C-alpha atoms as a PDB file:
ATOM      1  CA  MET A   1     140.838 124.988 115.980  1.00  0.00           C
ATOM      2  CA  GLY A   2     139.519 121.910 114.170  1.00  0.00           C
ATOM      3  CA  MET A   3     141.873 119.674 115.286  1.00  0.00           C
ATOM      4  CA  PRO A   4     142.844 117.631 113.754  1.00  0.00           C
ATOM      5  CA  GLU A   5     142.077 119.582 110.578  1.00  0.00           C
ATOM      6  CA  TYR A   6     144.394 122.505 111.808  1.00  0.00           C
ATOM      7  CA  GLU A   7     145.224 124.409 108.424  1.00  0.00           C
ATOM      8  CA  ASP A   8     141.349 123.367 107.336  1.00  0.00           C
ATOM      9  CA  PHE A   9     139.809 125.721 110.350  1.00  0.00           C
ATOM     10  CA  LEU A  10     142.974 128.359 110.212  1.00  0.00           C
ATOM     11  CA  ASP A  11     142.014 128.689 106.030  1.00  0.00           C
ATOM     12  CA  LEU A  12     138.284 129.527 107.208  1.00  0.00           C
ATOM     13  CA  ALA A  13     139.474 131.780 109.604  1.00  0.00           C
ATOM     14  CA  GLU A  14     141.675 133.767 107.120  1.00  0.00           C
ATOM     15  CA  ARG A  15     138.624 133.384 104.267  1.00  0.00           C
ATOM     16  CA  TYR A  16     135.417 134.293 106.623  1.00  0.00           C
ATOM     17  CA  GLY A  17     136.334 137.361 108.491  1.00  0.00           C
ATOM     18  CA  GLU A  18     133.513 136.061 111.479  1.00  0.00           C
ATOM     19  CA  VAL A  19     134.890 132.799 112.114  1.00  0.00           C
ATOM     20  CA  ARG A  20     136.448 132.136 115.755  1.00  0.00           C
ATOM     21  CA  LEU A  21     138.501 129.329 116.493  1.00  0.00           C
ATOM     22  CA  ASP A  22     138.528 127.902 119.718  1.00  0.00           C
ATOM     23  CA  THR A  23     141.278 126.684 122.088  1.00  0.00           C
ATOM     24  CA  THR A  24     139.715 123.280 123.770  1.00  0.00           C
ATOM     25  CA  MET A  25     142.268 120.240 124.235  1.00  0.00           C
ATOM     26  CA  THR A  26     144.656 121.753 121.284  1.00  0.00           C
ATOM     27  CA  PHE A  27     147.838 122.321 121.876  1.00  0.00           C
ATOM     28  CA  THR A  28     147.893 120.642 125.358  1.00  0.00           C
ATOM     29  CA  ASP A  29     150.472 117.200 125.688  1.00  0.00           C
ATOM     30  CA  PHE A  30     147.213 114.921 125.392  1.00  0.00           C
ATOM     31  CA  SER A  31     146.405 116.241 122.162  1.00  0.00           C
ATOM     32  CA  GLU A  32     149.989 116.630 120.908  1.00  0.00           C
ATOM     33  CA  ARG A  33     150.562 112.712 120.927  1.00  0.00           C
ATOM     34  CA  LEU A  34     147.091 112.159 119.026  1.00  0.00           C
ATOM     35  CA  ALA A  35     146.921 115.568 116.148  1.00  0.00           C
ATOM     36  CA  PRO A  36     149.880 117.334 116.874  1.00  0.00           C
ATOM     37  CA  PHE A  37     149.657 120.936 115.782  1.00  0.00           C
ATOM     38  CA  PRO A  38     151.803 121.277 112.958  1.00  0.00           C
ATOM     39  CA  PRO A  39     154.625 124.072 113.857  1.00  0.00           C
ATOM     40  CA  ARG A  40     154.354 125.630 109.887  1.00  0.00           C
ATOM     41  CA  ALA A  41     150.800 127.053 110.856  1.00  0.00           C
ATOM     42  CA  LEU A  42     151.948 128.540 113.894  1.00  0.00           C
ATOM     43  CA  PRO A  43     152.547 132.107 111.649  1.00  0.00           C
ATOM     44  CA  ARG A  44     149.543 131.740 110.496  1.00  0.00           C
ATOM     45  CA  LEU A  45     147.596 131.183 114.372  1.00  0.00           C
ATOM     46  CA  ALA A  46     149.534 134.325 115.266  1.00  0.00           C
ATOM     47  CA  ALA A  47     148.182 136.532 112.701  1.00  0.00           C
ATOM     48  CA  LEU A  48     144.699 135.434 113.711  1.00  0.00           C
ATOM     49  CA  GLY A  49     145.433 136.043 116.754  1.00  0.00           C
ATOM     50  CA  ASP A  50     142.678 138.010 117.545  1.00  0.00           C
ATOM     51  CA  ARG A  51     139.886 135.637 116.596  1.00  0.00           C
ATOM     52  CA  VAL A  52     141.223 132.629 118.778  1.00  0.00           C
ATOM     53  CA  LEU A  53     139.101 132.191 122.167  1.00  0.00           C
ATOM     54  CA  LEU A  54     140.355 130.411 125.234  1.00  0.00           C
ATOM     55  CA  GLY A  55     138.799 126.814 125.397  1.00  0.00           C
ATOM     56  CA  THR A  56     138.754 124.611 128.351  1.00  0.00           C
ATOM     57  CA  ASP A  57     135.587 121.907 128.407  1.00  0.00           C
ATOM     58  CA  PHE A  58     136.386 122.240 132.213  1.00  0.00           C
ATOM     59  CA  PRO A  59     135.515 119.887 133.997  1.00  0.00           C
ATOM     60  CA  ASN A  60     135.447 117.546 131.134  1.00  0.00           C
ATOM     61  CA  ILE A  61     138.856 116.963 130.135  1.00  0.00           C
ATOM     62  CA  PRO A  62     141.725 114.640 130.541  1.00  0.00           C
ATOM     63  CA  TYR A  63     144.320 117.056 132.525  1.00  0.00           C
ATOM     64  CA  PRO A  64     144.218 119.925 135.046  1.00  0.00           C
ATOM     65  CA  TYR A  65     142.661 123.554 134.040  1.00  0.00           C
ATOM     66  CA  LEU A  66     146.134 125.308 134.699  1.00  0.00           C
ATOM     67  CA  HIS A  67     147.849 122.839 131.765  1.00  0.00           C
ATOM     68  CA  GLN A  68     145.185 124.417 129.039  1.00  0.00           C
ATOM     69  CA  LEU A  69     147.128 127.658 129.778  1.00  0.00           C
ATOM     70  CA  HIS A  70     150.663 126.170 130.266  1.00  0.00           C
ATOM     71  CA  ALA A  71     150.000 124.931 126.182  1.00  0.00           C
ATOM     72  CA  LEU A  72     149.106 127.935 125.022  1.00  0.00           C
ATOM     73  CA  GLU A  73     151.875 129.642 127.040  1.00  0.00           C
ATOM     74  CA  ARG A  74     154.189 127.580 125.753  1.00  0.00           C
ATOM     75  CA  LEU A  75     153.741 128.845 121.404  1.00  0.00           C
ATOM     76  CA  ASP A  76     155.601 131.597 122.855  1.00  0.00           C
ATOM     77  CA  LEU A  77     153.627 133.823 120.446  1.00  0.00           C
ATOM     78  CA  GLY A  78     153.231 136.709 122.656  1.00  0.00           C
ATOM     79  CA  ASP A  79     151.964 138.474 125.582  1.00  0.00           C
ATOM     80  CA  ASP A  80     149.553 140.515 123.523  1.00  0.00           C
ATOM     81  CA  TRP A  81     148.597 137.291 121.912  1.00  0.00           C
ATOM     82  CA  LEU A  82     147.903 134.957 124.921  1.00  0.00           C
ATOM     83  CA  ARG A  83     146.057 138.041 126.808  1.00  0.00           C
ATOM     84  CA  ALA A  84     143.641 138.344 123.875  1.00  0.00           C
ATOM     85  CA  VAL A  85     143.076 134.655 123.080  1.00  0.00           C
ATOM     86  CA  CYS A  86     142.750 134.216 127.456  1.00  0.00           C
ATOM     87  CA  HIS A  87     140.352 137.357 127.572  1.00  0.00           C
ATOM     88  CA  ASP A  88     140.034 140.222 125.580  1.00  0.00           C
ATOM     89  CA  ASN A  89     138.384 138.348 122.179  1.00  0.00           C
ATOM     90  CA  ALA A  90     135.789 136.874 124.500  1.00  0.00           C
ATOM     91  CA  ALA A  91     135.695 140.471 125.985  1.00  0.00           C
ATOM     92  CA  ARG A  92     134.812 141.927 122.588  1.00  0.00           C
ATOM     93  CA  LEU A  93     133.168 139.127 120.775  1.00  0.00           C
ATOM     94  CA  PHE A  94     129.967 139.260 123.788  1.00  0.00           C
ATOM     95  CA  GLY A  95     130.300 142.842 124.440  1.00  0.00           C
ATOM     96  CA  LEU A  96     131.671 143.074 128.219  1.00  0.00           C
END
């Protein structure tokens, strides 16, 4: 996601169709304290939902694994967006 330059990385993804963004640490309580995602950029994130991939860096993260999933869910971008980010986008990218 380009933390903390979120909007610059959204620009890149919007400009170049093969750019993918991953969610590692983004949206978690840990990262939101240090570098919050700008709420005004949520519609852009929603529109790029087919190119966002779940990233975890597990086990090298300062919070429980499940918290990353809860953080994505609380964005409230819908079940289809969440399913795409957590599974479908990576499956398509890797031809699974």
